Every structure is written in structure tokens, then in C-alpha cells.
Amino acid sequence: MVSAKARELALEMERVNRALESARLFLAGLDQADDARELRRRTYSPLRTLVEQAEQSAARVTEYLRNGSGS
């Protein structure tokens, strides 16, 4: 059984997930524009990589909280 606090935290993490997804998409667009301006192959900025890693971590925490925090 998932506690009320775990449900609340899962909702908060879902908000974090949405923010990270938006940031990742924004950074992808900036990377593509920069690459096009420089006429080079598509690259990933270090910030974009970090946001993608944070997004994956947030998704794992959300899943953990949704599944009853291991109880």
C-alpha cells in the first residue's frame, strides 16, 4: 500500500519529470540550431546530457514512489 506521503512525493517528481523533459527538448533545439549554424554533425551539449541523466533518475524515483517505496 502506498502512503499518502509517497503519493504526494510521486506527484512532485512527476512535475520534475515534466520540467526536465521540457528542458531537454529546448536544449535539443538549441543544439540543432547551433550545429546548423556551424554546419557540423549533430552534437550533444554537456548540459543536455546532464538534463537527460536527471530525467532518467527522476523517472526511477517516481516509479519507486508509485510502487509503494519497496513495501
N, C-alpha and C. Protein backbone atom coordinates (compact mmCIF):
# COMPACT_ATOMS: atom_id res chain seq x y z
N MET A 1 0.85 -1.18 0.00
CA MET A 1 0.00 0.00 0.00
C MET A 1 0.89 1.24 0.00
N VAL A 2 0.55 2.19 -0.84
CA VAL A 2 1.32 3.41 -0.98
C VAL A 2 0.79 4.45 0.01
N SER A 3 1.70 5.04 0.76
CA SER A 3 1.29 6.04 1.75
C SER A 3 0.90 7.34 1.06
N ALA A 4 0.18 8.17 1.78
CA ALA A 4 -0.22 9.48 1.26
C ALA A 4 1.01 10.32 0.95
N LYS A 5 2.02 10.22 1.79
CA LYS A 5 3.25 10.99 1.57
C LYS A 5 3.96 10.52 0.30
N ALA A 6 4.00 9.21 0.07
CA ALA A 6 4.64 8.68 -1.14
C ALA A 6 3.87 9.14 -2.39
N ARG A 7 2.54 9.15 -2.33
CA ARG A 7 1.74 9.63 -3.46
C ARG A 7 2.03 11.11 -3.73
N GLU A 8 2.11 11.89 -2.65
CA GLU A 8 2.42 13.31 -2.79
C GLU A 8 3.80 13.52 -3.41
N LEU A 9 4.78 12.76 -2.95
CA LEU A 9 6.12 12.86 -3.50
C LEU A 9 6.18 12.40 -4.95
N ALA A 10 5.40 11.39 -5.29
CA ALA A 10 5.36 10.92 -6.68
C ALA A 10 4.81 12.02 -7.58
N LEU A 11 3.79 12.74 -7.11
CA LEU A 11 3.25 13.86 -7.89
C LEU A 11 4.29 14.96 -8.07
N GLU A 12 5.04 15.23 -7.03
CA GLU A 12 6.11 16.23 -7.12
C GLU A 12 7.18 15.80 -8.13
N MET A 13 7.53 14.51 -8.09
CA MET A 13 8.53 14.00 -9.04
C MET A 13 8.01 14.03 -10.47
N GLU A 14 6.72 13.82 -10.65
CA GLU A 14 6.15 13.93 -11.99
C GLU A 14 6.30 15.36 -12.52
N ARG A 15 6.15 16.34 -11.66
CA ARG A 15 6.37 17.73 -12.05
C ARG A 15 7.83 17.94 -12.47
N VAL A 16 8.75 17.36 -11.69
CA VAL A 16 10.17 17.44 -12.03
C VAL A 16 10.41 16.78 -13.38
N ASN A 17 9.78 15.61 -13.61
CA ASN A 17 9.93 14.91 -14.88
C ASN A 17 9.48 15.79 -16.05
N ARG A 18 8.33 16.45 -15.90
CA ARG A 18 7.84 17.31 -16.98
C ARG A 18 8.78 18.49 -17.23
N ALA A 19 9.31 19.07 -16.17
CA ALA A 19 10.24 20.19 -16.33
C ALA A 19 11.51 19.74 -17.02
N LEU A 20 12.02 18.58 -16.63
CA LEU A 20 13.23 18.07 -17.26
C LEU A 20 13.00 17.72 -18.73
N GLU A 21 11.84 17.16 -19.03
CA GLU A 21 11.54 16.83 -20.42
C GLU A 21 11.49 18.11 -21.27
N SER A 22 10.86 19.15 -20.75
CA SER A 22 10.79 20.42 -21.47
C SER A 22 12.18 21.01 -21.66
N ALA A 23 13.00 20.96 -20.62
CA ALA A 23 14.36 21.48 -20.72
C ALA A 23 15.18 20.69 -21.74
N ARG A 24 15.01 19.36 -21.73
CA ARG A 24 15.75 18.51 -22.69
C ARG A 24 15.36 18.86 -24.12
N LEU A 25 14.07 19.02 -24.37
CA LEU A 25 13.62 19.35 -25.73
C LEU A 25 14.13 20.73 -26.15
N PHE A 26 14.11 21.67 -25.23
CA PHE A 26 14.62 23.01 -25.52
C PHE A 26 16.11 22.95 -25.85
N LEU A 27 16.87 22.23 -25.04
CA LEU A 27 18.31 22.11 -25.28
C LEU A 27 18.60 21.38 -26.59
N ALA A 28 17.80 20.38 -26.92
CA ALA A 28 17.98 19.68 -28.19
C ALA A 28 17.81 20.65 -29.36
N GLY A 29 16.80 21.50 -29.26
CA GLY A 29 16.58 22.51 -30.30
C GLY A 29 17.74 23.48 -30.41
N LEU A 30 18.26 23.92 -29.27
CA LEU A 30 19.42 24.82 -29.28
C LEU A 30 20.64 24.13 -29.88
N ASP A 31 20.85 22.86 -29.52
CA ASP A 31 21.98 22.12 -30.07
C ASP A 31 21.86 22.00 -31.58
N GLN A 32 20.66 21.69 -32.08
CA GLN A 32 20.46 21.55 -33.52
C GLN A 32 20.67 22.87 -34.24
N ALA A 33 20.18 23.95 -33.66
CA ALA A 33 20.37 25.27 -34.28
C ALA A 33 21.84 25.65 -34.32
N ASP A 34 22.54 25.37 -33.23
CA ASP A 34 23.97 25.68 -33.17
C ASP A 34 24.74 24.85 -34.19
N ASP A 35 24.39 23.56 -34.29
CA ASP A 35 25.06 22.69 -35.26
C ASP A 35 24.80 23.15 -36.69
N ALA A 36 23.57 23.54 -36.97
CA ALA A 36 23.23 24.02 -38.32
C ALA A 36 23.99 25.29 -38.65
N ARG A 37 24.10 26.16 -37.67
CA ARG A 37 24.83 27.42 -37.89
C ARG A 37 26.30 27.16 -38.16
N GLU A 38 26.85 26.16 -37.51
CA GLU A 38 28.26 25.83 -37.68
C GLU A 38 28.49 24.80 -38.79
N LEU A 39 27.40 24.31 -39.41
CA LEU A 39 27.47 23.31 -40.47
C LEU A 39 28.27 22.08 -40.05
N ARG A 40 27.89 21.53 -38.91
CA ARG A 40 28.58 20.35 -38.40
C ARG A 40 27.57 19.28 -38.03
N ARG A 41 28.09 18.09 -37.75
CA ARG A 41 27.22 17.00 -37.33
C ARG A 41 26.54 17.34 -36.01
N ARG A 42 25.42 16.70 -35.79
CA ARG A 42 24.65 16.93 -34.56
C ARG A 42 25.48 16.50 -33.34
N THR A 43 25.54 17.38 -32.35
CA THR A 43 26.28 17.09 -31.12
C THR A 43 25.37 17.29 -29.91
N TYR A 44 25.83 16.82 -28.77
CA TYR A 44 25.12 17.00 -27.51
C TYR A 44 25.94 17.91 -26.61
N SER A 45 25.27 18.91 -26.05
CA SER A 45 25.95 19.76 -25.09
C SER A 45 26.05 19.02 -23.76
N PRO A 46 27.06 19.35 -22.95
CA PRO A 46 27.16 18.73 -21.62
C PRO A 46 25.91 18.97 -20.77
N LEU A 47 25.30 20.14 -20.90
CA LEU A 47 24.09 20.43 -20.13
C LEU A 47 22.94 19.53 -20.57
N ARG A 48 22.82 19.31 -21.87
CA ARG A 48 21.77 18.43 -22.37
C ARG A 48 21.96 17.00 -21.83
N THR A 49 23.18 16.54 -21.82
CA THR A 49 23.47 15.20 -21.28
C THR A 49 23.08 15.13 -19.81
N LEU A 50 23.43 16.15 -19.04
CA LEU A 50 23.11 16.19 -17.62
C LEU A 50 21.60 16.18 -17.40
N VAL A 51 20.88 16.96 -18.19
CA VAL A 51 19.41 17.00 -18.06
C VAL A 51 18.81 15.64 -18.39
N GLU A 52 19.33 14.98 -19.42
CA GLU A 52 18.82 13.65 -19.77
C GLU A 52 19.07 12.66 -18.63
N GLN A 53 20.24 12.72 -18.01
CA GLN A 53 20.54 11.84 -16.89
C GLN A 53 19.63 12.14 -15.70
N ALA A 54 19.38 13.41 -15.44
CA ALA A 54 18.49 13.80 -14.34
C ALA A 54 17.07 13.32 -14.63
N GLU A 55 16.65 13.41 -15.87
CA GLU A 55 15.32 12.95 -16.26
C GLU A 55 15.17 11.44 -16.00
N GLN A 56 16.19 10.67 -16.33
CA GLN A 56 16.16 9.23 -16.08
C GLN A 56 16.11 8.94 -14.58
N SER A 57 16.88 9.66 -13.80
CA SER A 57 16.88 9.48 -12.35
C SER A 57 15.52 9.82 -11.75
N ALA A 58 14.94 10.92 -12.20
CA ALA A 58 13.63 11.33 -11.70
C ALA A 58 12.57 10.29 -12.05
N ALA A 59 12.67 9.71 -13.22
CA ALA A 59 11.71 8.67 -13.62
C ALA A 59 11.84 7.45 -12.71
N ARG A 60 13.07 7.07 -12.36
CA ARG A 60 13.27 5.92 -11.46
C ARG A 60 12.71 6.21 -10.08
N VAL A 61 12.92 7.42 -9.56
CA VAL A 61 12.40 7.78 -8.24
C VAL A 61 10.88 7.78 -8.26
N THR A 62 10.29 8.32 -9.32
CA THR A 62 8.84 8.35 -9.44
C THR A 62 8.28 6.93 -9.44
N GLU A 63 8.89 6.04 -10.21
CA GLU A 63 8.44 4.65 -10.26
C GLU A 63 8.56 3.99 -8.89
N TYR A 64 9.64 4.26 -8.20
CA TYR A 64 9.84 3.71 -6.85
C TYR A 64 8.73 4.19 -5.90
N LEU A 65 8.42 5.48 -5.95
CA LEU A 65 7.39 6.03 -5.08
C LEU A 65 6.01 5.49 -5.45
N ARG A 66 5.74 5.33 -6.71
CA ARG A 66 4.43 4.81 -7.15
C ARG A 66 4.22 3.37 -6.70
N ASN A 67 5.29 2.61 -6.64
CA ASN A 67 5.18 1.19 -6.30
C ASN A 67 5.25 0.94 -4.81
N GLY A 68 5.03 1.91 -4.00
CA GLY A 68 4.93 1.71 -2.57
C GLY A 68 6.24 1.79 -1.83
N SER A 69 7.24 2.41 -2.41
CA SER A 69 8.53 2.61 -1.75
C SER A 69 9.13 1.31 -1.24
N GLY A 70 8.90 0.24 -2.00
CA GLY A 70 9.51 -1.03 -1.63
C GLY A 70 8.82 -1.79 -0.54
N SER A 71 7.66 -1.31 -0.09
CA SER A 71 6.96 -2.02 0.99
C SER A 71 5.92 -2.96 0.47
